[in-house]
Protein backbone atom coordinates (compact mmCIF):
# COMPACT_ATOMS: atom_id res chain seq x y z
CA UNK A 1 71.12 150.55 54.92
CA UNK A 2 75.26 151.81 54.58
CA UNK A 3 77.21 148.24 53.76
CA UNK A 4 79.40 147.53 56.04
CA UNK A 5 82.92 146.63 53.95
CA UNK A 6 83.53 143.55 55.75
CA UNK A 7 80.02 142.24 55.07
CA UNK A 8 81.32 140.15 51.96
CA UNK A 9 84.34 138.63 53.30
CA UNK A 10 81.89 137.41 56.94
CA UNK A 11 79.86 135.67 53.93
CA UNK A 12 82.43 134.46 51.82
CA UNK A 13 83.99 132.31 55.13
CA UNK A 14 80.97 130.71 55.63
CA UNK A 15 82.32 127.80 53.42
CA UNK A 16 84.84 127.27 56.04
CA UNK A 17 82.06 126.46 58.69
CA UNK A 18 84.16 128.02 61.55
CA UNK A 19 82.92 130.61 64.46
CA UNK A 20 83.22 133.95 62.97
CA UNK A 21 83.57 136.30 65.98
CA UNK A 22 82.90 139.77 65.23
CA UNK A 23 84.39 142.40 67.50
CA UNK A 24 84.11 146.29 68.17
CA UNK A 25 82.89 148.98 70.10
CA UNK A 26 79.52 149.26 71.62
CA UNK A 27 77.12 150.42 69.38
CA UNK A 28 79.45 150.34 66.15
CA UNK A 29 76.76 148.88 64.44
CA UNK A 30 78.12 144.78 65.36
CA UNK A 31 74.25 143.85 65.30
CA UNK A 32 73.03 145.92 62.19
CA UNK A 33 75.62 143.94 60.69
CA UNK A 34 74.47 140.22 61.60
CA UNK A 35 70.83 140.97 60.94
CA UNK A 36 72.10 142.14 57.00
CA UNK A 37 74.10 138.98 56.87
CA UNK A 38 71.07 136.85 57.66
CA UNK A 39 69.28 135.38 55.29
CA UNK A 40 65.46 135.30 55.59
CA UNK A 41 64.95 131.89 55.02
CA UNK A 42 67.29 130.70 57.36
CA UNK A 43 65.99 129.08 60.81
CA UNK A 44 68.29 131.83 63.59
CA UNK A 45 68.86 131.62 66.80
CA UNK A 46 69.70 135.45 68.68
CA UNK A 47 71.24 135.12 72.04
CA UNK A 48 71.88 138.41 73.31
CA UNK A 49 74.02 138.06 76.53
CA UNK A 50 73.41 141.29 78.32
CA UNK A 51 70.49 138.98 79.09
CA UNK A 52 70.90 136.81 82.14
CA UNK A 53 68.72 134.15 80.57
CA UNK A 54 71.01 133.95 77.68
CA UNK A 55 74.16 133.56 79.69
CA UNK A 56 72.55 130.84 81.48
CA UNK A 57 71.51 129.14 78.20
CA UNK A 58 75.30 128.91 77.30
CA UNK A 59 77.20 128.77 80.05
CA UNK A 60 78.35 125.55 82.13
CA UNK A 61 77.61 123.23 78.95
CA UNK A 62 78.66 120.03 77.39
CA UNK A 63 79.09 119.29 73.95
CA UNK A 64 76.18 117.20 74.12
CA UNK A 65 74.25 120.13 75.26
CA UNK A 66 75.44 122.43 72.68
CA UNK A 67 74.95 120.23 69.89
CA UNK A 68 71.23 120.11 70.80
CA UNK A 69 70.94 123.58 71.54
CA UNK A 70 72.37 124.66 67.98
CA UNK A 71 71.84 121.97 65.32
CA UNK A 72 68.47 122.52 64.23
CA UNK A 73 69.18 126.40 63.07
CA UNK A 74 70.89 127.09 60.12
CA UNK A 75 72.45 130.25 62.08
CA UNK A 76 73.14 131.46 65.68
CA UNK A 77 73.86 134.79 66.96
CA UNK A 78 75.37 135.60 69.99
CA UNK A 79 76.16 139.00 71.13
CA UNK A 80 78.04 140.63 73.91
CA UNK A 81 79.66 136.84 74.26
CA UNK A 82 82.37 138.47 76.78
CA UNK A 83 79.56 138.27 79.53
CA UNK A 84 79.72 134.70 79.51
CA UNK A 85 82.02 132.77 81.89
CA UNK A 86 84.89 130.57 80.45
CA UNK A 87 82.96 131.74 76.42
CA UNK A 88 86.44 130.74 74.74
CA UNK A 89 85.86 126.94 75.99
CA UNK A 90 82.37 127.52 75.40
CA UNK A 91 83.19 128.20 71.54
CA UNK A 92 85.96 125.80 71.36
CA UNK A 93 83.38 122.93 72.18
CA UNK A 94 81.29 124.58 69.58
CA UNK A 95 84.17 124.51 67.15
CA UNK A 96 84.91 120.87 67.67
CA UNK A 97 81.01 119.57 66.74
CA UNK A 98 81.65 120.62 63.04
CA UNK A 99 77.96 121.26 62.48
CA UNK A 100 76.39 122.93 59.74
CA UNK A 101 74.91 125.55 61.64
CA UNK A 102 76.85 128.83 61.03
CA UNK A 103 77.76 130.73 64.53
CA UNK A 104 78.46 133.86 64.77
CA UNK A 105 79.80 136.01 68.39
CA UNK A 106 79.82 139.62 69.07
CA UNK A 107 81.90 141.18 71.73
CA UNK A 108 82.64 144.43 72.61
CA UNK A 109 85.63 144.62 74.98
CA UNK A 110 88.35 142.05 74.19
CA UNK A 111 90.41 141.55 77.49
CA UNK A 112 87.86 138.80 78.23
CA UNK A 113 87.47 137.66 74.79
CA UNK A 114 91.00 137.45 74.41
CA UNK A 115 91.73 135.59 77.51
CA UNK A 116 89.36 133.04 76.88
CA UNK A 117 88.99 132.44 73.52
CA UNK A 118 91.65 132.49 71.97
CA UNK A 119 94.12 130.25 73.39
CA UNK A 120 91.48 127.26 73.90
CA UNK A 121 89.85 127.82 70.89
CA UNK A 122 92.69 128.99 68.04
CA UNK A 123 92.20 127.68 64.71
CA UNK A 124 88.60 127.21 65.58
CA UNK A 125 87.80 130.75 64.88
CA UNK A 126 87.65 133.56 62.02
CA UNK A 127 87.94 137.23 63.88
CA UNK A 128 87.16 140.28 62.10
CA UNK A 129 87.06 143.66 63.68
CA UNK A 130 84.53 146.06 63.11
CA UNK A 131 84.89 150.21 64.04
CA UNK A 132 82.58 152.83 63.08
CA UNK A 133 81.86 154.11 59.65
CA UNK A 134 84.59 154.42 57.45
CA UNK A 135 84.96 157.58 55.03
CA UNK A 136 85.54 154.80 52.44
CA UNK A 137 81.51 153.11 53.32
CA UNK A 138 80.14 156.48 53.75
CA UNK A 139 81.46 157.26 50.17
CA UNK A 140 79.83 154.20 49.02
CA UNK A 141 76.91 155.06 50.04
CA UNK A 142 76.56 158.34 49.48
CA UNK A 143 79.38 159.71 47.15
CA UNK A 144 82.90 161.07 47.67
CA UNK A 145 81.43 164.40 47.14
CA UNK A 146 79.02 164.38 49.50
CA UNK A 147 81.51 163.35 52.44
CA UNK A 148 84.24 165.81 50.84
CA UNK A 149 81.50 168.41 51.74
CA UNK A 150 80.83 166.93 55.10
CA UNK A 151 84.69 166.28 56.00
CA UNK A 152 83.99 169.25 58.89
CA UNK A 153 81.70 167.91 60.16
CA UNK A 154 83.05 164.46 60.57
CA UNK A 155 85.81 165.43 61.91
CA UNK A 156 83.75 167.26 64.71
CA UNK A 157 80.85 164.22 65.21
CA UNK A 158 82.78 161.78 64.02
CA UNK A 159 81.74 158.18 62.31
CA UNK A 160 79.06 156.27 64.86
CA UNK A 161 76.58 155.26 62.80
CA UNK A 162 73.69 156.88 65.15
CA UNK A 163 75.55 160.22 65.12
CA UNK A 164 75.44 160.17 61.18
CA UNK A 165 72.25 158.82 60.64
CA UNK A 166 70.70 161.25 63.10
CA UNK A 167 73.06 164.08 62.65
CA UNK A 168 71.09 166.64 64.21
CA UNK A 169 71.07 164.81 66.97
CA UNK A 170 74.77 163.77 67.08
CA UNK A 171 76.11 165.86 70.27
CA UNK A 172 73.66 164.68 72.39
CA UNK A 173 74.62 161.13 71.28
CA UNK A 174 77.83 161.83 71.56
CA UNK A 175 77.57 162.57 75.05
CA UNK A 176 75.07 159.64 75.84
CA UNK A 177 77.48 157.63 74.45
CA UNK A 178 80.37 158.61 76.59
CA UNK A 179 78.48 158.23 79.82
CA UNK A 180 76.89 155.27 79.15
CA UNK A 181 78.80 152.67 77.31
CA UNK A 182 82.46 153.93 77.00
CA UNK A 183 83.73 152.94 80.50
CA UNK A 184 80.85 150.31 80.62
CA UNK A 185 83.20 146.87 80.33
CA UNK A 186 86.30 148.54 81.73
CA UNK A 187 84.56 149.36 85.13
CA UNK A 188 83.10 145.49 84.88
CA UNK A 189 86.94 144.34 84.74
CA UNK A 190 88.27 142.95 87.85
CA UNK A 191 90.87 145.19 89.64
CA UNK A 192 89.13 148.79 88.37
CA UNK A 193 88.50 150.33 91.67
CA UNK A 194 89.05 153.92 90.74
CA UNK A 195 86.57 154.78 88.14
CA UNK A 196 87.88 158.67 88.69
CA UNK A 197 91.11 157.86 87.97
CA UNK A 198 90.11 156.24 84.48
CA UNK A 199 87.63 159.54 83.28
CA UNK A 200 90.80 162.11 84.39
CA UNK A 201 93.10 159.46 82.71
CA UNK A 202 90.99 159.38 78.84
CA UNK A 203 90.89 163.15 79.35
CA UNK A 204 94.35 163.63 79.43
CA UNK A 205 94.88 161.35 76.48
CA UNK A 206 92.55 163.44 74.93
CA UNK A 207 94.09 166.60 74.84
CA UNK A 208 96.76 164.49 73.69
CA UNK A 209 96.44 163.41 70.74
CA UNK A 210 98.93 163.65 67.99
CA UNK A 211 101.79 164.08 70.61
CA UNK A 212 103.90 161.65 72.19
CA UNK A 213 102.72 160.29 75.26
CA UNK A 214 104.48 159.97 78.61
CA UNK A 215 103.24 157.32 81.13
CA UNK A 216 105.67 158.52 83.86
CA UNK A 217 103.62 162.69 83.46
CA UNK A 218 100.47 160.80 83.56
CA UNK A 219 101.54 159.13 86.42
CA UNK A 220 102.70 161.95 87.98
CA UNK A 221 99.14 164.07 87.20
CA UNK A 222 96.97 161.35 88.13
CA UNK A 223 98.44 160.73 91.42
CA UNK A 224 98.88 156.91 90.39
CA UNK A 225 101.60 154.64 89.39
CA UNK A 226 102.91 153.91 86.05
CA UNK A 227 102.13 150.56 85.93
CA UNK A 228 98.49 151.39 86.81
CA UNK A 229 98.57 154.38 83.96
CA UNK A 230 99.45 151.55 81.68
CA UNK A 231 97.14 148.62 82.40
CA UNK A 232 94.30 150.81 82.37
CA UNK A 233 95.51 152.47 78.61
CA UNK A 234 95.84 148.31 77.75
CA UNK A 235 91.90 148.30 78.64
CA UNK A 236 90.80 151.42 76.66
CA UNK A 237 92.49 149.59 73.87
CA UNK A 238 91.05 145.97 74.42
CA UNK A 239 88.01 148.45 74.62
CA UNK A 240 88.29 150.18 71.26
CA UNK A 241 88.22 153.36 72.69
CA UNK A 242 91.90 154.00 72.03
CA UNK A 243 94.87 152.72 69.72
CA UNK A 244 98.85 153.17 69.95
CA UNK A 245 101.37 153.88 67.47
CA UNK A 246 104.89 153.05 68.81
CA UNK A 247 107.69 154.71 67.27
CA UNK A 248 109.50 153.71 64.45
CA UNK A 249 113.62 152.75 65.22
CA UNK A 250 116.07 150.42 63.16
CA UNK A 251 119.36 152.92 62.58
CA UNK A 252 119.69 156.72 63.61
CA UNK A 253 121.41 156.67 67.20
CA UNK A 254 119.31 159.55 68.18
CA UNK A 255 115.57 158.00 67.20
CA UNK A 256 113.17 158.13 70.00
CA UNK A 257 113.20 154.40 70.36
CA UNK A 258 110.84 153.49 73.07
CA UNK A 259 107.88 156.50 72.18
CA UNK A 260 103.94 156.36 72.02
CA UNK A 261 101.11 157.92 70.57
CA UNK A 262 97.49 157.63 71.18
CA UNK A 263 94.76 157.82 69.20
CA UNK A 264 91.10 157.72 69.19
CA UNK A 265 89.27 155.41 67.03
CA UNK A 266 86.66 157.95 66.67
CA UNK A 267 86.93 161.99 66.75
CA UNK A 268 83.23 162.54 67.93
CA UNK A 269 84.02 160.28 71.19
CA UNK A 270 87.24 162.10 71.64
CA UNK A 271 85.55 165.67 71.16
CA UNK A 272 82.74 164.46 73.71
CA UNK A 273 85.10 163.38 75.86
CA UNK A 274 86.71 167.00 76.48
CA UNK A 275 83.40 168.41 76.03
CA UNK A 276 84.39 170.50 72.41
CA UNK A 277 81.94 170.41 69.78
CA UNK A 278 83.06 173.75 68.32
CA UNK A 279 83.00 174.42 64.99
CA UNK A 280 86.93 174.41 63.08
CA UNK A 281 87.27 177.94 62.43
CA UNK A 282 86.96 178.29 66.31
CA UNK A 283 89.33 175.45 67.23
CA UNK A 284 93.26 175.22 67.85
CA UNK A 285 93.14 171.88 67.47
CA UNK A 286 92.39 170.79 63.66
CA UNK A 287 95.75 169.71 62.91
CA UNK A 288 95.85 167.42 65.81
CA UNK A 289 92.17 166.30 64.91
CA UNK A 290 93.31 165.77 61.31
CA UNK A 291 96.36 163.74 61.81
CA UNK A 292 93.24 162.14 64.72
CA UNK A 293 91.08 161.30 61.28
CA UNK A 294 93.14 159.96 58.49
CA UNK A 295 95.19 157.94 61.22
CA UNK A 296 91.83 156.34 62.71
CA UNK A 297 90.68 155.67 58.74
CA UNK A 298 93.94 154.41 57.42
CA UNK A 299 93.65 151.66 60.52
CA UNK A 300 90.24 150.92 59.24
CA UNK A 301 91.19 150.81 55.31
CA UNK A 302 94.23 148.40 56.25
CA UNK A 303 91.74 146.07 58.43
CA UNK A 304 89.30 145.59 55.94
CA UNK A 305 91.72 145.32 53.17
CA UNK A 306 93.41 142.84 55.40
CA UNK A 307 96.44 144.51 54.51
CA UNK A 308 98.90 143.66 57.65
CA UNK A 309 101.26 146.31 57.51
CA UNK A 310 102.73 147.94 60.67
CA UNK A 311 102.20 152.00 61.41
CA UNK A 312 104.19 153.90 62.98
CA UNK A 313 105.63 157.33 63.89
CA UNK A 314 109.18 158.53 64.11
CA UNK A 315 111.07 161.23 65.92
CA UNK A 316 114.73 162.23 67.35
CA UNK A 317 115.29 163.80 70.16
CA UNK A 318 115.88 167.15 68.11
CA UNK A 319 112.30 166.83 67.49
CA UNK A 320 112.58 165.69 63.25
CA UNK A 321 109.36 163.89 63.05
CA UNK A 322 107.08 162.33 60.77
CA UNK A 323 103.51 161.80 61.34
CA UNK A 324 102.62 158.26 59.99
CA UNK A 325 104.64 155.76 58.97
CA UNK A 326 103.89 152.23 57.22
CA UNK A 327 105.96 149.14 57.09
CA UNK A 328 104.32 146.62 54.77
CA UNK A 329 106.99 143.68 52.95
CA UNK A 330 109.99 145.23 53.29
CA UNK A 331 108.55 148.71 52.31
CA UNK A 332 108.39 151.94 54.33
CA UNK A 333 105.52 154.80 52.77
CA UNK A 334 105.41 157.83 54.85
CA UNK A 335 103.38 160.55 55.83
CA UNK A 336 102.48 163.96 56.85
CA UNK A 337 98.64 165.17 57.47
CA UNK A 338 97.86 169.00 56.70
CA UNK A 339 94.49 170.27 57.33
CA UNK A 340 95.74 173.74 55.34
CA UNK A 341 96.12 172.12 51.91
CA UNK A 342 98.46 174.90 51.15
CA UNK A 343 100.62 173.51 53.71
CA UNK A 344 104.15 172.95 52.99
CA UNK A 345 105.80 169.22 54.20
CA UNK A 346 108.81 167.28 53.79
CA UNK A 347 110.85 164.22 55.04
CA UNK A 348 113.25 164.64 57.44
CA UNK A 349 116.52 164.73 55.69
CA UNK A 350 117.78 162.75 58.39
CA UNK A 351 114.82 160.49 57.22
CA UNK A 352 115.65 160.36 53.91
CA UNK A 353 118.87 159.79 54.09
CA UNK A 354 119.33 156.49 56.90
CA UNK A 355 115.82 155.10 55.06
CA UNK A 356 116.48 156.10 51.60
CA UNK A 357 113.75 153.78 49.79
CA UNK A 358 111.04 155.50 51.77
CA UNK A 359 108.24 156.96 49.80
CA UNK A 360 106.60 160.10 51.27
CA UNK A 361 102.99 161.65 50.78
CA UNK A 362 101.30 165.00 52.77
CA UNK A 363 97.92 164.32 53.27
CA UNK A 364 95.25 167.11 53.02
CA UNK A 365 91.52 166.95 52.40
CA UNK A 366 91.96 167.77 49.07
CA UNK A 367 93.97 164.16 48.08
CA UNK A 368 92.36 161.81 51.17
CA UNK A 369 91.17 160.16 48.83
CA UNK A 370 93.68 158.02 47.86
CA UNK A 371 94.72 157.32 51.19
CA UNK A 372 91.59 155.80 53.09
CA UNK A 373 90.01 154.22 49.61
CA UNK A 374 89.88 150.14 49.65
């Protein structure tokens, strides 16, 4: 089994006697991770809330009923908890019981989890995000040499566990994931009336990775109002399909102040959406794929390293640009991403003059490991 980077942190948190919440997209390995940390000697209860019978076990229960349900188990696993009505209140009750039972909850969409857990259960939870495999996790299991050899494959097919473990069936797996799970939680959410618009939006975003996104342009393209575009993008973020980088702006008059770039957590999902699994030598988007891949890997790396750095991009109206800015504890680290190791890049003079304390590095396939390793 490929060891997940956060396993040790979750195990260490057992001593804190809080409910552990593990969030992440469907099929990224949350249930597998739970099984891996379960001690064979433990007396455990598993509830899968995609199952209505298991939902009924948890819904509308008093604190006494929950205590009687949980107290005889060493560990209780609640999968897809966002399906449970008022799950936040339920977890608050469980947290208040201070049982010896360790409760671990998973969820694949954070809109219900966020709305119903965070407020009522604040202080009673420890939250983690789980992503598709990271390069660091795969290199630890196999080797950096092997992962460097497979880099082109990872760029095209991504890092979902089933894609990595069954590479010969990667294309079918990804098409199945995008058709069967990508929109599942979103389309069950209130207010989503036009799934075909959502699918067109996702495709439009997939074709724009690495570029600044205009909500107005997307609104005109799709024939919907700007607020609907923003609402759908928020939902896609909360289902761990995409993430946003805001523009960095502090001093310069002509800096872009409200720009946004959108990236996909997984390259394979992005390529499945646009139905393009062509090899690198047949593509004209390798620069964008490399940028998406490296920024998503940095997101994983920072999350697993418990880094609280903020990530941005930077651009001016006259098209000076920095791919990634990482701001942490008052320090600025800047990066450019080049698929071709021989390509030249340097920090724009306007940025260097305005922010002289910033470091700069060009990330290519030849030096990527220091950038993605914990």
